[in-house]
Amino acid sequence: MTGLRQPDQDAILPAADAARMRQVLVTCSQLLSWAEANCGPQFAAAAQDAAEAAGFSRAPGALAYEVNLAIGTLDFADAARNAR
């Protein structure tokens, strides 16, 4: 058996790694909001293409939605428990 998790298994991260990941996601969310407000329709088209390439909806705001959903998932995830 390998040490890799299966797709249906939760990933367990040290708290510092989860906090860093959350900060990166927050920065992505802020960047997406800024770009949407300041870069016009070319950015919107590029964001839709990126969302589609990642397997998300092409709906306006889909990429930002997925980033914010990931932040929420980290914020409300249960703490890892020792299985002993």
C-alpha atoms as a PDB file:
ATOM      1  CA  MET A   1       0.000   0.000   0.000  1.00  0.00           C
ATOM      2  CA  THR A   2       1.231   3.475  -0.796  1.00  0.00           C
ATOM      3  CA  GLY A   3       1.181   6.383   1.606  1.00  0.00           C
ATOM      4  CA  LEU A   4      -0.951   8.451  -0.757  1.00  0.00           C
ATOM      5  CA  ARG A   5      -4.532   9.206   0.160  1.00  0.00           C
ATOM      6  CA  GLN A   6      -7.384   8.045  -2.020  1.00  0.00           C
ATOM      7  CA  PRO A   7      -9.752  10.597  -3.625  1.00  0.00           C
ATOM      8  CA  ASP A   8     -12.452   9.817  -1.042  1.00  0.00           C
ATOM      9  CA  GLN A   9     -10.099  10.296   1.923  1.00  0.00           C
ATOM     10  CA  ASP A  10      -9.554  13.590   3.707  1.00  0.00           C
ATOM     11  CA  ALA A  11      -6.137  15.207   3.454  1.00  0.00           C
ATOM     12  CA  ILE A  12      -4.588  16.026   6.810  1.00  0.00           C
ATOM     13  CA  LEU A  13      -2.410  19.113   7.023  1.00  0.00           C
ATOM     14  CA  PRO A  14      -0.446  20.590   9.899  1.00  0.00           C
ATOM     15  CA  ALA A  15      -2.141  23.760  11.187  1.00  0.00           C
ATOM     16  CA  ALA A  16       0.667  25.979   9.882  1.00  0.00           C
ATOM     17  CA  ASP A  17       0.273  24.546   6.368  1.00  0.00           C
ATOM     18  CA  ALA A  18      -3.508  25.006   6.449  1.00  0.00           C
ATOM     19  CA  ALA A  19      -3.051  28.611   7.631  1.00  0.00           C
ATOM     20  CA  ARG A  20      -0.575  29.305   4.824  1.00  0.00           C
ATOM     21  CA  MET A  21      -2.880  27.723   2.252  1.00  0.00           C
ATOM     22  CA  ARG A  22      -5.745  29.856   3.548  1.00  0.00           C
ATOM     23  CA  GLN A  23      -3.646  33.019   3.244  1.00  0.00           C
ATOM     24  CA  VAL A  24      -2.758  32.168  -0.356  1.00  0.00           C
ATOM     25  CA  LEU A  25      -6.447  31.585  -1.150  1.00  0.00           C
ATOM     26  CA  VAL A  26      -7.433  34.903   0.473  1.00  0.00           C
ATOM     27  CA  THR A  27      -4.804  36.674  -1.616  1.00  0.00           C
ATOM     28  CA  CYS A  28      -6.170  34.959  -4.755  1.00  0.00           C
ATOM     29  CA  SER A  29      -9.682  36.080  -3.833  1.00  0.00           C
ATOM     30  CA  GLN A  30      -8.516  39.668  -3.368  1.00  0.00           C
ATOM     31  CA  LEU A  31      -6.625  39.589  -6.665  1.00  0.00           C
ATOM     32  CA  LEU A  32      -9.661  38.225  -8.515  1.00  0.00           C
ATOM     33  CA  SER A  33     -11.876  40.947  -7.013  1.00  0.00           C
ATOM     34  CA  TRP A  34      -9.401  43.674  -7.918  1.00  0.00           C
ATOM     35  CA  ALA A  35      -8.925  42.373 -11.456  1.00  0.00           C
ATOM     36  CA  GLU A  36     -12.674  42.074 -12.001  1.00  0.00           C
ATOM     37  CA  ALA A  37     -13.136  45.693 -10.955  1.00  0.00           C
ATOM     38  CA  ASN A  38     -10.166  47.090 -12.872  1.00  0.00           C
ATOM     39  CA  CYS A  39      -9.381  44.945 -15.918  1.00  0.00           C
ATOM     40  CA  GLY A  40     -12.605  44.820 -17.893  1.00  0.00           C
ATOM     41  CA  PRO A  41     -14.043  42.186 -20.191  1.00  0.00           C
ATOM     42  CA  GLN A  42     -10.695  40.690 -21.222  1.00  0.00           C
ATOM     43  CA  PHE A  43     -10.087  39.624 -17.640  1.00  0.00           C
ATOM     44  CA  ALA A  44     -13.612  38.228 -17.340  1.00  0.00           C
ATOM     45  CA  ALA A  45     -13.061  36.099 -20.452  1.00  0.00           C
ATOM     46  CA  ALA A  46      -9.678  34.879 -19.168  1.00  0.00           C
ATOM     47  CA  ALA A  47     -11.181  34.011 -15.755  1.00  0.00           C
ATOM     48  CA  GLN A  48     -13.983  32.084 -17.452  1.00  0.00           C
ATOM     49  CA  ASP A  49     -11.420  30.167 -19.536  1.00  0.00           C
ATOM     50  CA  ALA A  50      -9.361  29.392 -16.425  1.00  0.00           C
ATOM     51  CA  ALA A  51     -12.444  28.203 -14.543  1.00  0.00           C
ATOM     52  CA  GLU A  52     -13.446  25.947 -17.423  1.00  0.00           C
ATOM     53  CA  ALA A  53      -9.916  24.536 -17.716  1.00  0.00           C
ATOM     54  CA  ALA A  54     -10.049  23.653 -14.006  1.00  0.00           C
ATOM     55  CA  GLY A  55     -13.348  21.835 -14.500  1.00  0.00           C
ATOM     56  CA  PHE A  56     -15.557  24.550 -13.010  1.00  0.00           C
ATOM     57  CA  SER A  57     -18.475  26.435 -14.504  1.00  0.00           C
ATOM     58  CA  ARG A  58     -17.848  29.199 -17.048  1.00  0.00           C
ATOM     59  CA  ALA A  59     -20.365  31.382 -15.217  1.00  0.00           C
ATOM     60  CA  PRO A  60     -19.111  34.864 -14.301  1.00  0.00           C
ATOM     61  CA  GLY A  61     -17.568  34.675 -10.855  1.00  0.00           C
ATOM     62  CA  ALA A  62     -17.162  30.880 -10.923  1.00  0.00           C
ATOM     63  CA  LEU A  63     -13.430  31.042 -10.242  1.00  0.00           C
ATOM     64  CA  ALA A  64     -13.894  33.457  -7.329  1.00  0.00           C
ATOM     65  CA  TYR A  65     -16.695  31.255  -5.993  1.00  0.00           C
ATOM     66  CA  GLU A  66     -14.452  28.181  -5.974  1.00  0.00           C
ATOM     67  CA  VAL A  67     -11.635  30.080  -4.234  1.00  0.00           C
ATOM     68  CA  ASN A  68     -14.033  31.351  -1.566  1.00  0.00           C
ATOM     69  CA  LEU A  69     -15.529  27.882  -1.164  1.00  0.00           C
ATOM     70  CA  ALA A  70     -12.037  26.519  -0.520  1.00  0.00           C
ATOM     71  CA  ILE A  71     -11.466  29.216   2.123  1.00  0.00           C
ATOM     72  CA  GLY A  72     -14.727  28.251   3.806  1.00  0.00           C
ATOM     73  CA  THR A  73     -13.786  24.590   3.697  1.00  0.00           C
ATOM     74  CA  LEU A  74     -10.531  25.341   5.513  1.00  0.00           C
ATOM     75  CA  ASP A  75     -12.286  27.624   8.008  1.00  0.00           C
ATOM     76  CA  PHE A  76     -14.894  25.046   8.977  1.00  0.00           C
ATOM     77  CA  ALA A  77     -12.896  21.825   8.697  1.00  0.00           C
ATOM     78  CA  ASP A  78     -12.830  19.651  11.781  1.00  0.00           C
ATOM     79  CA  ALA A  79      -9.517  19.357  13.534  1.00  0.00           C
ATOM     80  CA  ALA A  80      -7.675  16.118  12.802  1.00  0.00           C
ATOM     81  CA  ARG A  81      -8.131  13.535  15.506  1.00  0.00           C
ATOM     82  CA  ASN A  82      -5.585  10.958  16.600  1.00  0.00           C
ATOM     83  CA  ALA A  83      -6.945   7.530  15.633  1.00  0.00           C
ATOM     84  CA  ARG A  84      -5.345   5.752  18.623  1.00  0.00           C
END
